[in-house]
Amino acid sequence: MVSSSTTDATNAHNSPKSVKSQTEYYSAHNMNFRLKTLVIIIVAFATMAPVCVLSGGESTTTTSTIAISPGALVEVVGEYAEVRVHRVNSDNLDLKATFYNGEFIDFYTRSFTPEPSNHFVISAKTGGSGSKSANSIIDLGIPTGVHLVVRTTNRPISIDSATLSTASLRTTDGKISVINSSGDYDLSTTNSEVIVQSVDGKMNIATTNAHVWFDGVIDVGNNSITTTNGDVAVRLQDGSNVTVSGTTHNGDVTINGGSKGIAKDGDTATLEHRVENGSATLVITNGPGAIHINPDAIAVFDGDS
């Protein structure tokens, strides 16, 4: 026999009002669970997002300082990335990277050894549907004696007041300039000029459809300058010790403002010139285009006057 109190409790539990309350409770509980799950998913995606995320042409900047060992190898790999290098009076590599439309730039750095690193890589590549509007500027302060390798596209590379062991700099459709520096340089671009001023060291330069301007000392090793559809002007500063040879067609050729050391055959001209005992070599290949050795003035350095 069931007591009346138990029966009343059971009836109260099963009453329409009680069932409705339970339904509301479970509905609210499930909604709360779903909201929590949605929040967790959003947070998870947020943690996977790139560090530099700005759109509409705005910029983001990141900086860091890395201890590197003497004679370390520093590599920069970029797309639509301008690279600027200068010397610092320390054993640290100073990095400043600025990104435009950074959501389309995959940027990272990596050291292959513990600090002080002897091999450090900086990468700034573009990707995605808006990658054509994305670009970077990589500013590097580099200690003396570093081996530098730069590979980028569609943007210039500039070296100012750096003392490097070696530098291999390559871009496409971007100007290269090396000023007030020393080291062995391998410079390559396309459709853009190369400017080298007040530089001491071995030099190999290649471009197309553009001028090459050189003002510096050549006194060691095998050196070369190659272009097409552009002029080559070379000023050999005091201290040079080099034998210069060259060939071009459909272009003027002068040495010290004159024609001594120049031979012509139709539209082709060759030249030979020696400074001191000529221990180093410089081979110049052009055409069509002019070659001038020690001209009275080089406009890019001296102005138009």
Protein backbone atom coordinates (compact mmCIF):
# COMPACT_ATOMS: atom_id res chain seq x y z
CA MET A 1 0.00 0.00 0.00
CA VAL A 2 1.41 3.33 -1.06
CA SER A 3 1.15 6.15 1.39
CA SER A 4 -0.67 9.27 0.39
CA SER A 5 2.46 11.40 0.92
CA THR A 6 4.49 9.26 -1.49
CA THR A 7 1.68 9.36 -4.00
CA ASP A 8 1.46 13.13 -3.72
CA ALA A 9 5.23 13.49 -4.23
CA THR A 10 5.12 11.25 -7.27
CA ASN A 11 2.21 13.10 -8.72
CA ALA A 12 3.92 16.42 -8.06
CA HIS A 13 7.08 15.17 -9.78
CA ASN A 14 5.12 14.02 -12.80
CA SER A 15 2.87 17.03 -12.97
CA PRO A 16 2.93 19.10 -16.17
CA LYS A 17 4.54 21.99 -14.32
CA SER A 18 7.37 19.75 -13.07
CA VAL A 19 7.99 18.24 -16.51
CA LYS A 20 8.15 21.71 -18.05
CA SER A 21 10.74 22.81 -15.45
CA GLN A 22 12.91 19.81 -16.23
CA THR A 23 12.69 20.51 -19.95
CA GLU A 24 13.71 24.11 -19.45
CA TYR A 25 16.62 23.01 -17.23
CA TYR A 26 17.99 20.52 -19.73
CA SER A 27 17.47 22.93 -22.62
CA ALA A 28 19.38 25.66 -20.79
CA HIS A 29 22.08 23.17 -19.79
CA ASN A 30 22.55 22.01 -23.38
CA MET A 31 22.66 25.59 -24.66
CA ASN A 32 25.30 26.47 -22.05
CA PHE A 33 27.35 23.44 -23.09
CA ARG A 34 27.14 24.44 -26.75
CA LEU A 35 28.22 27.98 -25.97
CA LYS A 36 31.19 26.72 -23.99
CA THR A 37 32.13 24.42 -26.88
CA LEU A 38 31.87 27.31 -29.37
CA VAL A 39 34.09 29.50 -27.16
CA ILE A 40 36.69 26.72 -26.94
CA ILE A 41 36.70 26.33 -30.75
CA ILE A 42 37.08 30.08 -31.28
CA VAL A 43 39.98 30.23 -28.81
CA ALA A 44 41.63 27.26 -30.50
CA PHE A 45 41.48 28.95 -33.92
CA ALA A 46 42.74 32.21 -32.46
CA THR A 47 45.84 30.52 -31.08
CA MET A 48 46.59 29.12 -34.55
CA ALA A 49 46.41 32.53 -36.24
CA PRO A 50 49.59 34.32 -37.43
CA VAL A 51 51.23 36.74 -35.05
CA CYS A 52 51.04 39.63 -37.50
CA VAL A 53 47.48 39.99 -38.74
CA LEU A 54 46.52 43.35 -40.19
CA SER A 55 44.66 44.17 -43.36
CA GLY A 56 43.92 47.17 -45.47
CA GLY A 57 47.57 48.07 -46.08
CA GLU A 58 48.37 48.76 -42.44
CA SER A 59 51.74 47.73 -41.04
CA THR A 60 53.05 45.62 -38.19
CA THR A 61 56.59 45.64 -36.82
CA THR A 62 58.52 43.05 -34.85
CA THR A 63 62.02 43.39 -33.39
CA SER A 64 64.49 40.98 -31.84
CA THR A 65 68.16 40.66 -30.90
CA ILE A 66 70.05 37.41 -31.45
CA ALA A 67 73.52 36.54 -30.20
CA ILE A 68 75.58 35.11 -33.06
CA SER A 69 79.05 33.62 -33.14
CA PRO A 70 81.99 35.20 -35.04
CA GLY A 71 81.79 34.37 -38.74
CA ALA A 72 78.19 33.14 -38.50
CA LEU A 73 76.04 32.45 -41.56
CA VAL A 74 72.92 34.64 -41.75
CA GLU A 75 70.32 33.83 -44.41
CA VAL A 76 67.34 35.93 -45.48
CA VAL A 77 64.70 34.32 -47.71
CA GLY A 78 61.91 36.57 -48.88
CA GLU A 79 59.24 37.30 -51.44
CA TYR A 80 58.35 40.95 -52.06
CA ALA A 81 60.75 41.68 -49.19
CA GLU A 82 63.11 44.63 -49.19
CA VAL A 83 66.30 43.91 -47.26
CA ARG A 84 68.42 46.64 -45.64
CA VAL A 85 71.72 45.85 -43.91
CA HIS A 86 74.06 47.95 -41.77
CA ARG A 87 76.88 47.26 -39.34
CA VAL A 88 76.51 47.10 -35.55
CA ASN A 89 79.37 47.30 -33.07
CA SER A 90 78.41 44.23 -31.07
CA ASP A 91 78.19 40.45 -31.35
CA ASN A 92 74.41 40.57 -31.76
CA LEU A 93 72.22 40.49 -34.83
CA ASP A 94 69.57 43.22 -34.60
CA LEU A 95 66.41 42.38 -36.53
CA LYS A 96 63.52 44.70 -37.32
CA ALA A 97 60.81 43.42 -39.66
CA THR A 98 57.91 45.52 -40.92
CA PHE A 99 54.96 43.85 -42.66
CA TYR A 100 52.33 45.39 -44.93
CA ASN A 101 49.16 43.33 -45.34
CA GLY A 102 50.76 40.95 -42.92
CA GLU A 103 48.00 38.34 -43.01
CA PHE A 104 49.46 37.24 -46.34
CA ILE A 105 53.04 36.95 -45.06
CA ASP A 106 54.48 33.81 -43.51
CA PHE A 107 57.29 35.11 -41.30
CA TYR A 108 59.58 33.10 -39.08
CA THR A 109 63.14 32.97 -37.76
CA ARG A 110 65.19 29.92 -36.93
CA SER A 111 68.55 29.27 -35.31
CA PHE A 112 70.20 25.98 -36.19
CA THR A 113 72.35 26.05 -33.06
CA PRO A 114 71.91 27.38 -29.51
CA GLU A 115 72.96 31.00 -29.00
CA PRO A 116 75.39 32.29 -29.91
CA SER A 117 74.06 30.99 -33.22
CA ASN A 118 76.40 30.13 -36.07
CA HIS A 119 73.54 29.71 -38.60
CA PHE A 120 70.46 31.93 -38.42
CA VAL A 121 67.61 32.07 -40.95
CA ILE A 122 64.98 34.77 -41.49
CA SER A 123 62.06 34.00 -43.81
CA ALA A 124 59.29 36.30 -45.05
CA LYS A 125 57.26 34.75 -47.86
CA THR A 126 53.90 35.77 -49.25
CA GLY A 127 50.88 33.62 -50.01
CA GLY A 128 47.12 33.67 -50.43
CA SER A 129 44.77 35.54 -52.72
CA GLY A 130 45.99 38.95 -51.52
CA SER A 131 49.69 38.17 -51.59
CA LYS A 132 50.42 40.61 -54.42
CA SER A 133 49.62 43.49 -52.09
CA ALA A 134 51.75 42.12 -49.25
CA ASN A 135 55.36 43.09 -48.74
CA SER A 136 58.01 43.35 -46.05
CA ILE A 137 60.99 45.45 -45.04
CA ILE A 138 63.73 43.51 -43.23
CA ASP A 139 66.25 45.74 -41.43
CA LEU A 140 69.37 43.94 -40.21
CA GLY A 141 72.16 45.23 -38.00
CA ILE A 142 75.03 42.80 -38.58
CA PRO A 143 78.32 42.38 -36.71
CA THR A 144 81.68 42.35 -38.48
CA GLY A 145 82.76 39.17 -40.28
CA VAL A 146 79.34 37.61 -40.97
CA HIS A 147 78.62 35.51 -44.06
CA LEU A 148 75.38 36.89 -45.51
CA VAL A 149 73.01 35.27 -48.01
CA VAL A 150 69.90 37.11 -49.24
CA ARG A 151 67.31 35.71 -51.66
CA THR A 152 64.27 37.87 -52.37
CA THR A 153 62.03 39.05 -55.23
CA ASN A 154 60.64 42.28 -56.63
CA ARG A 155 62.24 44.48 -53.98
CA PRO A 156 65.66 46.16 -53.50
CA ILE A 157 68.60 45.05 -51.38
CA SER A 158 70.88 47.64 -49.80
CA ILE A 159 74.10 47.30 -47.79
CA ASP A 160 75.48 50.36 -46.02
CA SER A 161 78.65 50.52 -43.93
CA ALA A 162 78.95 46.77 -43.44
CA THR A 163 82.11 44.73 -42.96
CA LEU A 164 81.23 41.23 -44.15
CA SER A 165 83.29 38.17 -44.93
CA THR A 166 81.10 37.25 -47.91
CA ALA A 167 77.73 38.36 -49.22
CA SER A 168 75.58 36.64 -51.84
CA LEU A 169 72.67 38.94 -52.70
CA ARG A 170 70.02 37.98 -55.24
CA THR A 171 66.72 39.58 -56.18
CA THR A 172 64.54 39.97 -59.26
CA ASP A 173 63.30 43.31 -60.55
CA GLY A 174 64.93 45.04 -57.60
CA LYS A 175 67.84 47.45 -57.30
CA ILE A 176 70.98 46.39 -55.41
CA SER A 177 73.28 48.91 -53.73
CA VAL A 178 76.41 48.35 -51.64
CA ILE A 179 77.97 51.48 -50.12
CA ASN A 180 80.92 52.13 -47.76
CA SER A 181 81.45 48.44 -47.17
CA SER A 182 84.01 45.67 -47.48
CA GLY A 183 83.93 41.96 -48.19
CA ASP A 184 83.52 39.60 -51.14
CA TYR A 185 80.21 40.28 -52.91
CA ASP A 186 78.16 38.26 -55.40
CA LEU A 187 75.31 40.49 -56.63
CA SER A 188 72.56 39.42 -59.02
CA THR A 189 69.29 40.99 -60.15
CA THR A 190 67.19 41.51 -63.27
CA ASN A 191 65.83 44.65 -64.94
CA SER A 192 67.33 46.86 -62.22
CA GLU A 193 70.54 48.77 -61.72
CA VAL A 194 73.40 47.84 -59.41
CA ILE A 195 75.30 50.55 -57.53
CA VAL A 196 78.57 49.81 -55.72
CA GLN A 197 80.42 52.71 -54.09
CA SER A 198 83.43 52.89 -51.77
CA VAL A 199 83.72 49.13 -51.48
CA ASP A 200 86.87 47.09 -50.95
CA GLY A 201 86.79 43.39 -51.83
CA LYS A 202 86.07 40.87 -54.54
CA MET A 203 83.04 41.71 -56.66
CA ASN A 204 80.85 39.77 -59.11
CA ILE A 205 77.85 41.65 -60.49
CA ALA A 206 75.14 40.52 -62.91
CA THR A 207 71.96 42.22 -64.11
CA THR A 208 69.92 42.64 -67.30
CA ASN A 209 68.41 45.67 -69.02
CA ALA A 210 70.02 48.06 -66.55
CA HIS A 211 73.14 50.03 -65.65
CA VAL A 212 76.00 49.02 -63.37
CA TRP A 213 77.89 51.74 -61.49
CA PHE A 214 81.07 50.78 -59.61
CA ASP A 215 83.38 53.00 -57.55
CA GLY A 216 85.87 51.20 -55.34
CA VAL A 217 89.01 49.16 -54.90
CA ILE A 218 89.70 45.89 -56.71
CA ASP A 219 92.92 44.23 -55.68
CA VAL A 220 92.21 40.54 -55.21
CA GLY A 221 90.68 37.54 -56.98
CA ASN A 222 88.59 37.14 -60.12
CA ASN A 223 85.89 39.80 -60.52
CA SER A 224 83.17 40.32 -63.13
CA ILE A 225 80.44 42.68 -64.29
CA THR A 226 77.73 41.54 -66.71
CA THR A 227 74.69 43.34 -68.09
CA THR A 228 72.70 43.91 -71.27
CA ASN A 229 70.98 47.02 -72.62
CA GLY A 230 72.67 49.21 -70.04
CA ASP A 231 75.87 51.12 -69.40
CA VAL A 232 78.78 50.03 -67.22
CA ALA A 233 80.90 52.69 -65.52
CA VAL A 234 83.86 51.68 -63.35
CA ARG A 235 86.02 54.00 -61.26
CA LEU A 236 89.04 52.18 -59.80
CA GLN A 237 90.12 53.89 -56.61
CA ASP A 238 93.68 54.18 -55.23
CA GLY A 239 94.87 50.82 -53.99
CA SER A 240 93.45 48.88 -56.91
CA ASN A 241 95.69 46.24 -58.47
CA VAL A 242 93.82 44.73 -61.39
CA THR A 243 93.79 43.77 -65.05
CA VAL A 244 90.54 44.84 -66.72
CA SER A 245 89.21 43.26 -69.91
CA GLY A 246 85.86 43.76 -71.55
CA THR A 247 83.67 43.42 -74.60
CA THR A 248 80.49 45.04 -75.88
CA HIS A 249 78.66 45.85 -79.07
CA ASN A 250 76.68 48.87 -80.15
CA GLY A 251 78.08 50.95 -77.30
CA ASP A 252 80.74 53.53 -76.57
CA VAL A 253 83.94 52.41 -74.84
CA THR A 254 86.41 54.70 -73.07
CA ILE A 255 89.38 54.27 -70.74
CA ASN A 256 90.47 57.32 -68.73
CA GLY A 257 88.35 59.40 -71.12
CA GLY A 258 90.21 58.17 -74.22
CA SER A 259 90.57 55.23 -76.57
CA LYS A 260 93.93 53.76 -75.53
CA GLY A 261 93.62 50.01 -74.97
CA ILE A 262 90.43 49.71 -77.05
CA ALA A 263 90.05 47.68 -80.24
CA LYS A 264 87.00 47.83 -82.51
CA ASP A 265 85.71 45.38 -85.08
CA GLY A 266 82.50 46.59 -86.67
CA ASP A 267 79.99 47.20 -83.89
CA THR A 268 82.02 45.13 -81.41
CA ALA A 269 84.60 46.67 -79.08
CA THR A 270 87.09 45.04 -76.73
CA LEU A 271 89.28 46.65 -74.08
CA GLU A 272 92.37 45.91 -71.99
CA HIS A 273 93.55 48.02 -69.06
CA ARG A 274 95.96 47.36 -66.21
CA VAL A 275 96.36 49.08 -62.85
CA GLU A 276 99.66 48.45 -61.02
CA ASN A 277 100.86 44.93 -61.80
CA GLY A 278 97.32 43.66 -62.44
CA SER A 279 97.24 40.86 -59.87
CA ALA A 280 93.43 40.74 -59.73
CA THR A 281 91.16 40.45 -62.78
CA LEU A 282 87.96 42.21 -63.78
CA VAL A 283 86.02 40.92 -66.80
CA ILE A 284 83.21 43.13 -68.14
CA THR A 285 80.58 41.79 -70.55
CA ASN A 286 77.96 44.07 -72.06
CA GLY A 287 75.94 44.58 -75.18
CA PRO A 288 74.31 46.49 -76.38
CA GLY A 289 75.64 49.16 -74.06
CA ALA A 290 78.61 51.33 -73.14
CA ILE A 291 81.65 50.57 -70.98
CA HIS A 292 83.57 53.42 -69.34
CA ILE A 293 86.68 52.84 -67.20
CA ASN A 294 87.67 55.77 -64.96
CA PRO A 295 85.39 58.35 -66.63
CA ASP A 296 85.66 61.98 -65.62
CA ALA A 297 82.29 61.74 -63.85
CA ILE A 298 79.70 59.12 -62.99
CA ALA A 299 76.33 60.82 -62.71
CA VAL A 300 74.93 58.57 -60.01
CA PHE A 301 77.92 59.46 -57.78
CA ASP A 302 78.89 62.92 -58.96
CA GLY A 303 75.61 64.43 -60.16
CA ASP A 304 74.80 65.52 -63.67
CA SER A 305 77.21 68.45 -63.71
